[in-house]
Protein backbone atom coordinates (compact mmCIF):
# COMPACT_ATOMS: atom_id res chain seq x y z
CA MET A 1 89.63 78.28 111.15
CA THR A 2 90.11 81.60 112.93
CA ASP A 3 92.32 84.35 111.55
CA LYS A 4 94.82 83.64 114.33
CA GLU A 5 94.95 79.90 113.47
CA LEU A 6 95.26 80.62 109.76
CA TYR A 7 98.00 83.20 110.35
CA ALA A 8 99.93 80.77 112.56
CA LYS A 9 99.62 77.92 110.04
CA ILE A 10 100.83 80.00 107.09
CA VAL A 11 103.84 81.46 108.91
CA ASP A 12 104.86 78.10 110.43
CA GLU A 13 108.00 77.16 108.49
CA ASN A 14 107.53 73.49 109.42
CA ASP A 15 103.91 73.14 108.31
CA PHE A 16 103.32 73.06 104.57
CA SER A 17 100.09 71.08 104.73
CA ASN A 18 97.12 72.18 102.65
CA ILE A 19 94.71 74.72 104.07
CA LEU A 20 90.94 74.28 104.14
CA LEU A 21 88.84 77.44 104.16
CA THR A 22 85.07 77.82 104.14
CA ASP A 23 83.37 80.93 102.79
CA ASP A 24 80.16 82.56 104.01
CA ASP A 25 78.12 80.26 101.74
CA ASN A 26 79.73 77.15 103.30
CA VAL A 27 81.74 76.43 100.15
CA GLU A 28 85.00 74.71 101.10
CA PHE A 29 88.27 75.57 99.37
CA GLU A 30 91.45 73.51 99.60
CA LEU A 31 94.63 75.49 99.03
CA GLU A 32 98.28 74.51 98.76
CA GLN A 33 100.80 76.73 100.54
CA VAL A 34 103.30 78.16 98.07
CA GLY A 35 105.10 80.78 100.14
CA VAL A 36 105.06 83.94 102.23
CA ILE A 37 106.56 87.33 101.45
CA PRO A 38 106.81 90.36 103.74
CA MET A 39 105.91 93.74 102.20
CA HIS A 40 104.35 97.00 103.34
CA GLY A 41 104.56 96.00 107.03
CA VAL A 42 102.46 92.86 106.61
CA LEU A 43 102.93 89.32 105.33
CA TYR A 44 101.38 87.99 102.16
CA GLY A 45 100.56 84.30 101.93
CA ILE A 46 100.72 82.85 98.42
CA LEU A 47 98.38 79.87 97.95
CA ASN A 48 97.43 77.69 95.00
CA LEU A 49 93.73 76.77 94.68
CA LEU A 50 93.40 72.97 94.44
CA LYS A 51 89.79 72.02 95.19
CA ILE A 52 86.38 73.59 95.60
CA SER A 53 83.85 71.59 97.64
CA GLY A 54 86.10 68.52 97.38
CA LYS A 55 86.36 68.62 93.58
CA ALA A 56 89.63 69.40 91.80
CA VAL A 57 89.53 72.81 90.17
CA SER A 58 89.35 73.09 86.41
CA ASP A 59 92.05 74.90 84.45
CA GLU A 60 89.64 77.84 84.26
CA GLU A 61 89.17 77.95 88.07
CA ALA A 62 92.81 77.27 88.97
CA GLY A 63 95.05 80.04 90.13
CA ILE A 64 96.86 81.80 92.92
CA VAL A 65 95.05 83.12 95.97
CA MET A 66 96.86 85.78 97.97
CA LEU A 67 96.09 86.48 101.61
CA GLU A 68 97.19 89.55 103.54
CA LEU A 69 98.27 88.50 107.03
CA ASP A 70 98.36 91.27 109.59
CA TYR A 71 98.86 91.32 113.36
CA ASP A 72 98.04 94.25 115.63
CA GLU A 73 100.35 94.08 118.65
CA GLU A 74 98.36 96.68 120.61
CA THR A 75 95.09 94.73 120.48
CA ASP A 76 96.66 91.27 120.02
CA GLU A 77 94.38 90.72 117.04
CA TYR A 78 95.07 88.85 113.81
CA PHE A 79 93.57 89.85 110.48
CA VAL A 80 93.56 87.70 107.35
CA THR A 81 91.98 89.05 104.17
CA THR A 82 92.05 88.13 100.51
CA VAL A 83 94.01 90.55 98.32
CA GLU A 84 91.53 91.90 95.78
CA ASP A 85 93.59 94.85 94.46
CA ASP A 86 95.13 93.81 91.11
CA ASP A 87 98.02 96.26 91.35
CA LEU A 88 98.95 95.09 94.85
CA PHE A 89 98.60 91.44 93.78
CA ASP A 90 100.94 92.02 90.83
CA GLU A 91 103.44 93.94 92.98
CA VAL A 92 103.62 91.18 95.60
CA MET A 93 103.87 88.43 92.96
CA GLU A 94 106.71 90.31 91.25
CA GLU A 95 108.65 90.38 94.54
CA PHE A 96 107.76 86.76 95.31
CA GLU A 97 109.11 85.60 91.94
CA LYS A 98 112.49 87.19 92.82
CA VAL A 99 112.88 84.88 95.83
CA PRO A 100 115.23 82.00 94.94
CA ASP A 101 113.80 78.48 95.14
CA GLU A 102 115.09 76.42 98.05
CA GLY A 103 116.45 73.06 96.96
């Protein structure tokens, strides 16, 4: 999945299907979409890790994956990266938790 396809899928308010990503070592990850929050001029996708290589994750492996979704209008390029900075991760999660649940 390209960055553009991934960006479009995560921001699509009508598509909450799981996301499949493959890393550089061809390990496949299945993630559940939890939500999106705008901060710092970009969007952050909040995902829950469900499976690694088709196997359900253990309690030890389970957790939230956060993706930074950025779009450069000048170059028409999409950038999707994993948030590795703990302080930024905590800041975004704090804001995300303030968003009221729908339903």
